[in-house]
Amino acid sequence: MKREIYLPDEYYRAGISKKRKRRNRICAAAAVLAGILMTGSVMRAQQTEAKMQETQKDLAEEVFRFHVLANSDSEEDQALKMKVKEEVLSYMKAELPDAQNAEETKEWARENLQEIEQAARAVVWEEGYGYEVNAQVTKCDFPDKSYGDVVFPAGRYEALRIEIGEAKGHNWWCVLYPNLCFIDSVHAIVPEEGKEELRQVLSEDEYEMVTMGTDFKIKWFFFGDKE
């Protein structure tokens, strides 16, 4: 076999070439591995997001929200909103029966819309405003909403919705079923008895979603769905 003969400069260039090729192969392998890991991470994130959305939809079937929209964000309209909220809550606290599920609470609200609307309208007129008041049970798109350390994720929920005037101001909200509206509505927190009521109504995943925040996403991302 004929041996290749290198001059000193050629030895140097040949060594450099081999090192470059080796480095290129390592870089290529690293790029492929990074691509695989990135693809897997993206797919896992998409699966986690899909699971989150699925659980949010299930959660939305288990709760019924109460939503009061002010005419505007003026100080006077926001104060009026809170007075309407207090009056309607007082009416519901006296009249709303103990419901076994969200559907029973929704049905009661539908049957008593006229009375709820009248209670809200009476406050508006007593305060000297001529705003129209509209009450309805409808599906609303909510952003993430915090109730103290409980967070209800963004999504579409059914709610008892009261609109005051043009209903363009910031809203007030609570959860009518399970009944959290009457638990420290002033400070908008959920004490332990309220959390226990949530636990009794929601599935484990749904309860963790509203009480664990980002920890819930992390758990699903790394460990996947529970068996």
C-alpha atoms as a PDB file:
ATOM      1  CA  MET A   1       0.000   0.000   0.000  1.00  0.00           C
ATOM      2  CA  LYS A   2       1.295   3.371  -0.967  1.00  0.00           C
ATOM      3  CA  ARG A   3       1.777   5.655   2.012  1.00  0.00           C
ATOM      4  CA  GLU A   4       0.900   9.310   1.817  1.00  0.00           C
ATOM      5  CA  ILE A   5       3.827  11.563   2.578  1.00  0.00           C
ATOM      6  CA  TYR A   6       3.149  14.936   4.154  1.00  0.00           C
ATOM      7  CA  LEU A   7       5.459  17.859   4.407  1.00  0.00           C
ATOM      8  CA  PRO A   8       5.433  19.625   7.827  1.00  0.00           C
ATOM      9  CA  ASP A   9       2.830  22.184   6.717  1.00  0.00           C
ATOM     10  CA  GLU A  10       0.708  19.416   5.231  1.00  0.00           C
ATOM     11  CA  TYR A  11       0.847  17.471   8.526  1.00  0.00           C
ATOM     12  CA  TYR A  12      -0.453  20.539  10.295  1.00  0.00           C
ATOM     13  CA  ARG A  13      -3.223  21.164   7.754  1.00  0.00           C
ATOM     14  CA  ALA A  14      -4.298  17.494   7.842  1.00  0.00           C
ATOM     15  CA  GLY A  15      -4.546  17.598  11.654  1.00  0.00           C
ATOM     16  CA  ILE A  16      -6.587  20.776  11.545  1.00  0.00           C
ATOM     17  CA  SER A  17      -8.909  19.260   8.937  1.00  0.00           C
ATOM     18  CA  LYS A  18      -9.512  16.134  11.050  1.00  0.00           C
ATOM     19  CA  LYS A  19     -10.216  18.219  14.143  1.00  0.00           C
ATOM     20  CA  ARG A  20     -12.621  20.425  12.178  1.00  0.00           C
ATOM     21  CA  LYS A  21     -14.479  17.415  10.822  1.00  0.00           C
ATOM     22  CA  ARG A  22     -14.719  15.901  14.298  1.00  0.00           C
ATOM     23  CA  ARG A  23     -15.979  19.195  15.720  1.00  0.00           C
ATOM     24  CA  ASN A  24     -18.514  19.519  12.916  1.00  0.00           C
ATOM     25  CA  ARG A  25     -19.798  16.000  13.585  1.00  0.00           C
ATOM     26  CA  ILE A  26     -20.156  16.787  17.299  1.00  0.00           C
ATOM     27  CA  CYS A  27     -21.956  20.056  16.537  1.00  0.00           C
ATOM     28  CA  ALA A  28     -24.277  18.314  14.093  1.00  0.00           C
ATOM     29  CA  ALA A  29     -25.097  15.600  16.624  1.00  0.00           C
ATOM     30  CA  ALA A  30     -25.710  18.230  19.316  1.00  0.00           C
ATOM     31  CA  ALA A  31     -27.990  20.160  16.961  1.00  0.00           C
ATOM     32  CA  VAL A  32     -29.999  17.035  16.185  1.00  0.00           C
ATOM     33  CA  LEU A  33     -30.292  16.205  19.902  1.00  0.00           C
ATOM     34  CA  ALA A  34     -31.325  19.782  20.723  1.00  0.00           C
ATOM     35  CA  GLY A  35     -33.931  19.643  17.963  1.00  0.00           C
ATOM     36  CA  ILE A  36     -35.329  16.393  19.326  1.00  0.00           C
ATOM     37  CA  LEU A  37     -35.461  17.796  22.868  1.00  0.00           C
ATOM     38  CA  MET A  38     -37.037  21.041  21.694  1.00  0.00           C
ATOM     39  CA  THR A  39     -39.648  19.201  19.628  1.00  0.00           C
ATOM     40  CA  GLY A  40     -40.449  16.973  22.586  1.00  0.00           C
ATOM     41  CA  SER A  41     -40.703  19.991  24.879  1.00  0.00           C
ATOM     42  CA  VAL A  42     -43.026  21.824  22.485  1.00  0.00           C
ATOM     43  CA  MET A  43     -45.211  18.743  22.065  1.00  0.00           C
ATOM     44  CA  ARG A  44     -45.340  18.267  25.829  1.00  0.00           C
ATOM     45  CA  ALA A  45     -46.266  21.914  26.334  1.00  0.00           C
ATOM     46  CA  GLN A  46     -49.035  21.584  23.747  1.00  0.00           C
ATOM     47  CA  GLN A  47     -50.350  18.449  25.452  1.00  0.00           C
ATOM     48  CA  THR A  48     -50.266  20.194  28.827  1.00  0.00           C
ATOM     49  CA  GLU A  49     -52.125  23.210  27.441  1.00  0.00           C
ATOM     50  CA  ALA A  50     -54.723  20.935  25.835  1.00  0.00           C
ATOM     51  CA  LYS A  51     -55.232  19.129  29.135  1.00  0.00           C
ATOM     52  CA  MET A  52     -55.548  22.447  30.952  1.00  0.00           C
ATOM     53  CA  GLN A  53     -58.226  23.581  28.500  1.00  0.00           C
ATOM     54  CA  GLU A  54     -60.087  20.296  28.848  1.00  0.00           C
ATOM     55  CA  THR A  55     -60.073  20.561  32.640  1.00  0.00           C
ATOM     56  CA  GLN A  56     -61.189  24.200  32.477  1.00  0.00           C
ATOM     57  CA  LYS A  57     -64.192  23.168  30.369  1.00  0.00           C
ATOM     58  CA  ASP A  58     -65.062  20.473  32.908  1.00  0.00           C
ATOM     59  CA  LEU A  59     -64.655  23.023  35.693  1.00  0.00           C
ATOM     60  CA  ALA A  60     -66.987  25.433  33.914  1.00  0.00           C
ATOM     61  CA  GLU A  61     -69.726  22.791  34.025  1.00  0.00           C
ATOM     62  CA  GLU A  62     -69.371  22.474  37.802  1.00  0.00           C
ATOM     63  CA  VAL A  63     -69.571  26.156  38.788  1.00  0.00           C
ATOM     64  CA  PHE A  64     -72.019  29.014  38.293  1.00  0.00           C
ATOM     65  CA  ARG A  65     -70.708  32.555  38.541  1.00  0.00           C
ATOM     66  CA  PHE A  66     -72.241  35.904  39.493  1.00  0.00           C
ATOM     67  CA  HIS A  67     -71.188  38.927  37.477  1.00  0.00           C
ATOM     68  CA  VAL A  68     -72.104  42.627  37.957  1.00  0.00           C
ATOM     69  CA  LEU A  69     -70.962  45.169  35.360  1.00  0.00           C
ATOM     70  CA  ALA A  70     -70.869  48.888  36.184  1.00  0.00           C
ATOM     71  CA  ASN A  71     -72.059  51.549  33.775  1.00  0.00           C
ATOM     72  CA  SER A  72     -68.526  53.009  33.612  1.00  0.00           C
ATOM     73  CA  ASP A  73     -65.295  53.246  35.569  1.00  0.00           C
ATOM     74  CA  SER A  74     -66.217  56.562  37.165  1.00  0.00           C
ATOM     75  CA  GLU A  75     -66.017  56.605  40.951  1.00  0.00           C
ATOM     76  CA  GLU A  76     -69.779  57.115  41.199  1.00  0.00           C
ATOM     77  CA  ASP A  77     -70.657  54.250  38.851  1.00  0.00           C
ATOM     78  CA  GLN A  78     -68.259  51.876  40.584  1.00  0.00           C
ATOM     79  CA  ALA A  79     -69.771  52.749  43.971  1.00  0.00           C
ATOM     80  CA  LEU A  80     -73.247  52.161  42.529  1.00  0.00           C
ATOM     81  CA  LYS A  81     -72.142  48.759  41.240  1.00  0.00           C
ATOM     82  CA  MET A  82     -71.110  47.708  44.734  1.00  0.00           C
ATOM     83  CA  LYS A  83     -74.443  48.826  46.203  1.00  0.00           C
ATOM     84  CA  VAL A  84     -76.304  46.838  43.556  1.00  0.00           C
ATOM     85  CA  LYS A  85     -74.122  43.836  44.287  1.00  0.00           C
ATOM     86  CA  GLU A  86     -74.834  44.041  48.027  1.00  0.00           C
ATOM     87  CA  GLU A  87     -78.592  44.330  47.509  1.00  0.00           C
ATOM     88  CA  VAL A  88     -78.778  41.420  45.081  1.00  0.00           C
ATOM     89  CA  LEU A  89     -76.607  39.261  47.347  1.00  0.00           C
ATOM     90  CA  SER A  90     -78.901  40.071  50.280  1.00  0.00           C
ATOM     91  CA  TYR A  91     -81.906  39.013  48.220  1.00  0.00           C
ATOM     92  CA  MET A  92     -80.255  35.786  47.113  1.00  0.00           C
ATOM     93  CA  LYS A  93     -78.975  34.975  50.601  1.00  0.00           C
ATOM     94  CA  ALA A  94     -82.569  35.096  51.846  1.00  0.00           C
ATOM     95  CA  GLU A  95     -84.220  33.353  48.895  1.00  0.00           C
ATOM     96  CA  LEU A  96     -81.688  31.029  47.260  1.00  0.00           C
ATOM     97  CA  PRO A  97     -82.287  27.429  48.400  1.00  0.00           C
ATOM     98  CA  ASP A  98     -79.508  24.961  49.104  1.00  0.00           C
ATOM     99  CA  ALA A  99     -78.742  23.551  45.667  1.00  0.00           C
ATOM    100  CA  GLN A 100     -77.206  20.148  45.037  1.00  0.00           C
ATOM    101  CA  ASN A 101     -75.435  21.194  41.842  1.00  0.00           C
ATOM    102  CA  ALA A 102     -74.801  24.115  39.498  1.00  0.00           C
ATOM    103  CA  GLU A 103     -77.804  23.297  37.313  1.00  0.00           C
ATOM    104  CA  GLU A 104     -80.226  23.704  40.219  1.00  0.00           C
ATOM    105  CA  THR A 105     -78.753  27.118  41.024  1.00  0.00           C
ATOM    106  CA  LYS A 106     -78.964  28.163  37.363  1.00  0.00           C
ATOM    107  CA  GLU A 107     -82.590  27.064  37.202  1.00  0.00           C
ATOM    108  CA  TRP A 108     -83.437  29.056  40.332  1.00  0.00           C
ATOM    109  CA  ALA A 109     -81.730  32.136  38.844  1.00  0.00           C
ATOM    110  CA  ARG A 110     -83.675  31.791  35.585  1.00  0.00           C
ATOM    111  CA  GLU A 111     -86.956  31.470  37.455  1.00  0.00           C
ATOM    112  CA  ASN A 112     -86.209  34.541  39.582  1.00  0.00           C
ATOM    113  CA  LEU A 113     -84.610  36.853  37.015  1.00  0.00           C
ATOM    114  CA  GLN A 114     -87.434  39.358  37.258  1.00  0.00           C
ATOM    115  CA  GLU A 115     -87.094  39.647  41.044  1.00  0.00           C
ATOM    116  CA  ILE A 116     -83.297  39.878  40.826  1.00  0.00           C
ATOM    117  CA  GLU A 117     -83.560  42.595  38.198  1.00  0.00           C
ATOM    118  CA  GLN A 118     -86.107  44.514  40.287  1.00  0.00           C
ATOM    119  CA  ALA A 119     -83.847  44.391  43.348  1.00  0.00           C
ATOM    120  CA  ALA A 120     -80.949  45.793  41.305  1.00  0.00           C
ATOM    121  CA  ARG A 121     -83.086  48.435  39.586  1.00  0.00           C
ATOM    122  CA  ALA A 122     -84.500  49.643  42.907  1.00  0.00           C
ATOM    123  CA  VAL A 123     -81.001  50.474  44.144  1.00  0.00           C
ATOM    124  CA  VAL A 124     -80.158  52.344  40.926  1.00  0.00           C
ATOM    125  CA  TRP A 125     -83.315  54.469  41.175  1.00  0.00           C
ATOM    126  CA  GLU A 126     -82.919  55.080  44.925  1.00  0.00           C
ATOM    127  CA  GLU A 127     -79.433  56.414  44.238  1.00  0.00           C
ATOM    128  CA  GLY A 128     -80.866  58.871  41.729  1.00  0.00           C
ATOM    129  CA  TYR A 129     -79.724  57.251  38.478  1.00  0.00           C
ATOM    130  CA  GLY A 130     -81.832  56.486  35.429  1.00  0.00           C
ATOM    131  CA  TYR A 131     -79.713  53.604  34.143  1.00  0.00           C
ATOM    132  CA  GLU A 132     -81.439  50.616  32.654  1.00  0.00           C
ATOM    133  CA  VAL A 133     -80.725  47.320  34.425  1.00  0.00           C
ATOM    134  CA  ASN A 134     -80.636  43.943  32.722  1.00  0.00           C
ATOM    135  CA  ALA A 135     -80.275  40.553  34.424  1.00  0.00           C
ATOM    136  CA  GLN A 136     -79.751  37.311  32.534  1.00  0.00           C
ATOM    137  CA  VAL A 137     -78.259  33.863  32.813  1.00  0.00           C
ATOM    138  CA  THR A 138     -75.743  33.646  30.010  1.00  0.00           C
ATOM    139  CA  LYS A 139     -72.335  32.306  29.024  1.00  0.00           C
ATOM    140  CA  CYS A 140     -69.501  34.807  29.403  1.00  0.00           C
ATOM    141  CA  ASP A 141     -65.818  34.796  28.484  1.00  0.00           C
ATOM    142  CA  PHE A 142     -63.822  35.434  31.652  1.00  0.00           C
ATOM    143  CA  PRO A 143     -60.088  36.161  31.953  1.00  0.00           C
ATOM    144  CA  ASP A 144     -58.121  34.584  34.808  1.00  0.00           C
ATOM    145  CA  LYS A 145     -59.842  35.703  38.012  1.00  0.00           C
ATOM    146  CA  SER A 146     -58.344  35.588  41.496  1.00  0.00           C
ATOM    147  CA  TYR A 147     -60.510  34.982  44.535  1.00  0.00           C
ATOM    148  CA  GLY A 148     -57.862  35.455  47.210  1.00  0.00           C
ATOM    149  CA  ASP A 149     -55.493  32.520  46.757  1.00  0.00           C
ATOM    150  CA  VAL A 150     -58.012  30.688  44.559  1.00  0.00           C
ATOM    151  CA  VAL A 151     -57.688  31.338  40.817  1.00  0.00           C
ATOM    152  CA  PHE A 152     -60.361  30.465  38.293  1.00  0.00           C
ATOM    153  CA  PRO A 153     -58.700  30.043  34.885  1.00  0.00           C
ATOM    154  CA  ALA A 154     -59.732  31.988  31.812  1.00  0.00           C
ATOM    155  CA  GLY A 155     -62.509  30.428  29.771  1.00  0.00           C
ATOM    156  CA  ARG A 156     -66.209  30.417  29.042  1.00  0.00           C
ATOM    157  CA  TYR A 157     -68.480  30.121  32.088  1.00  0.00           C
ATOM    158  CA  GLU A 158     -72.194  30.383  32.648  1.00  0.00           C
ATOM    159  CA  ALA A 159     -73.093  33.262  34.956  1.00  0.00           C
ATOM    160  CA  LEU A 160     -75.897  35.303  36.418  1.00  0.00           C
ATOM    161  CA  ARG A 161     -74.981  38.592  34.770  1.00  0.00           C
ATOM    162  CA  ILE A 162     -76.316  42.009  35.804  1.00  0.00           C
ATOM    163  CA  GLU A 163     -75.592  44.908  33.474  1.00  0.00           C
ATOM    164  CA  ILE A 164     -76.006  48.469  34.733  1.00  0.00           C
ATOM    165  CA  GLY A 165     -76.488  51.131  32.067  1.00  0.00           C
ATOM    166  CA  GLU A 166     -73.917  50.734  29.293  1.00  0.00           C
ATOM    167  CA  ALA A 167     -72.070  48.028  31.284  1.00  0.00           C
ATOM    168  CA  LYS A 168     -68.683  49.364  30.168  1.00  0.00           C
ATOM    169  CA  GLY A 169     -67.076  49.617  33.607  1.00  0.00           C
ATOM    170  CA  HIS A 170     -65.046  47.165  35.642  1.00  0.00           C
ATOM    171  CA  ASN A 171     -67.046  44.254  36.969  1.00  0.00           C
ATOM    172  CA  TRP A 172     -67.480  42.520  40.300  1.00  0.00           C
ATOM    173  CA  TRP A 173     -67.756  38.749  40.410  1.00  0.00           C
ATOM    174  CA  CYS A 174     -68.058  35.766  42.704  1.00  0.00           C
ATOM    175  CA  VAL A 175     -69.004  32.086  42.502  1.00  0.00           C
ATOM    176  CA  LEU A 176     -72.696  31.432  43.131  1.00  0.00           C
ATOM    177  CA  TYR A 177     -72.296  27.656  43.034  1.00  0.00           C
ATOM    178  CA  PRO A 178     -70.610  26.254  44.972  1.00  0.00           C
ATOM    179  CA  ASN A 179     -71.814  29.149  47.071  1.00  0.00           C
ATOM    180  CA  LEU A 180     -68.800  31.353  47.745  1.00  0.00           C
ATOM    181  CA  CYS A 181     -70.618  34.660  47.221  1.00  0.00           C
ATOM    182  CA  PHE A 182     -71.713  34.813  50.852  1.00  0.00           C
ATOM    183  CA  ILE A 183     -68.288  33.937  52.284  1.00  0.00           C
ATOM    184  CA  ASP A 184     -66.353  37.125  53.034  1.00  0.00           C
ATOM    185  CA  SER A 185     -67.556  38.918  49.912  1.00  0.00           C
ATOM    186  CA  VAL A 186     -66.035  42.162  51.236  1.00  0.00           C
ATOM    187  CA  HIS A 187     -62.447  40.901  51.123  1.00  0.00           C
ATOM    188  CA  ALA A 188     -63.034  38.469  48.240  1.00  0.00           C
ATOM    189  CA  ILE A 189     -61.171  35.579  49.821  1.00  0.00           C
ATOM    190  CA  VAL A 190     -62.017  31.914  50.150  1.00  0.00           C
ATOM    191  CA  PRO A 191     -61.525  30.642  53.715  1.00  0.00           C
ATOM    192  CA  GLU A 192     -60.905  26.993  54.523  1.00  0.00           C
ATOM    193  CA  GLU A 193     -64.608  26.117  54.726  1.00  0.00           C
ATOM    194  CA  GLY A 194     -65.084  27.554  51.250  1.00  0.00           C
ATOM    195  CA  LYS A 195     -62.164  25.547  49.913  1.00  0.00           C
ATOM    196  CA  GLU A 196     -63.618  22.423  51.473  1.00  0.00           C
ATOM    197  CA  GLU A 197     -66.900  23.130  49.678  1.00  0.00           C
ATOM    198  CA  LEU A 198     -64.979  23.484  46.420  1.00  0.00           C
ATOM    199  CA  ARG A 199     -63.208  20.197  47.105  1.00  0.00           C
ATOM    200  CA  GLN A 200     -66.541  18.433  47.570  1.00  0.00           C
ATOM    201  CA  VAL A 201     -67.896  19.713  44.247  1.00  0.00           C
ATOM    202  CA  LEU A 202     -64.854  19.622  41.946  1.00  0.00           C
ATOM    203  CA  SER A 203     -62.749  16.735  40.717  1.00  0.00           C
ATOM    204  CA  GLU A 204     -59.196  16.435  42.057  1.00  0.00           C
ATOM    205  CA  ASP A 205     -57.726  17.941  38.880  1.00  0.00           C
ATOM    206  CA  GLU A 206     -60.263  20.784  38.884  1.00  0.00           C
ATOM    207  CA  TYR A 207     -59.613  21.566  42.551  1.00  0.00           C
ATOM    208  CA  GLU A 208     -55.856  21.564  42.004  1.00  0.00           C
ATOM    209  CA  MET A 209     -56.301  23.836  38.996  1.00  0.00           C
ATOM    210  CA  VAL A 210     -58.010  26.564  41.043  1.00  0.00           C
ATOM    211  CA  THR A 211     -55.884  26.263  44.202  1.00  0.00           C
ATOM    212  CA  MET A 212     -52.346  25.491  42.959  1.00  0.00           C
ATOM    213  CA  GLY A 213     -51.822  27.986  40.130  1.00  0.00           C
ATOM    214  CA  THR A 214     -48.572  27.524  38.215  1.00  0.00           C
ATOM    215  CA  ASP A 215     -47.586  24.486  40.337  1.00  0.00           C
ATOM    216  CA  PHE A 216     -50.450  22.663  38.678  1.00  0.00           C
ATOM    217  CA  LYS A 217     -49.006  23.328  35.187  1.00  0.00           C
ATOM    218  CA  ILE A 218     -45.545  22.262  36.307  1.00  0.00           C
ATOM    219  CA  LYS A 219     -46.862  18.993  37.720  1.00  0.00           C
ATOM    220  CA  TRP A 220     -48.685  18.126  34.507  1.00  0.00           C
ATOM    221  CA  PHE A 221     -45.782  19.188  32.292  1.00  0.00           C
ATOM    222  CA  PHE A 222     -43.218  16.950  33.976  1.00  0.00           C
ATOM    223  CA  PHE A 223     -45.268  14.053  35.271  1.00  0.00           C
ATOM    224  CA  GLY A 224     -48.141  13.850  32.824  1.00  0.00           C
ATOM    225  CA  ASP A 225     -51.700  12.852  33.556  1.00  0.00           C
ATOM    226  CA  LYS A 226     -52.488  10.717  36.569  1.00  0.00           C
ATOM    227  CA  GLU A 227     -53.536   7.141  35.938  1.00  0.00           C
END
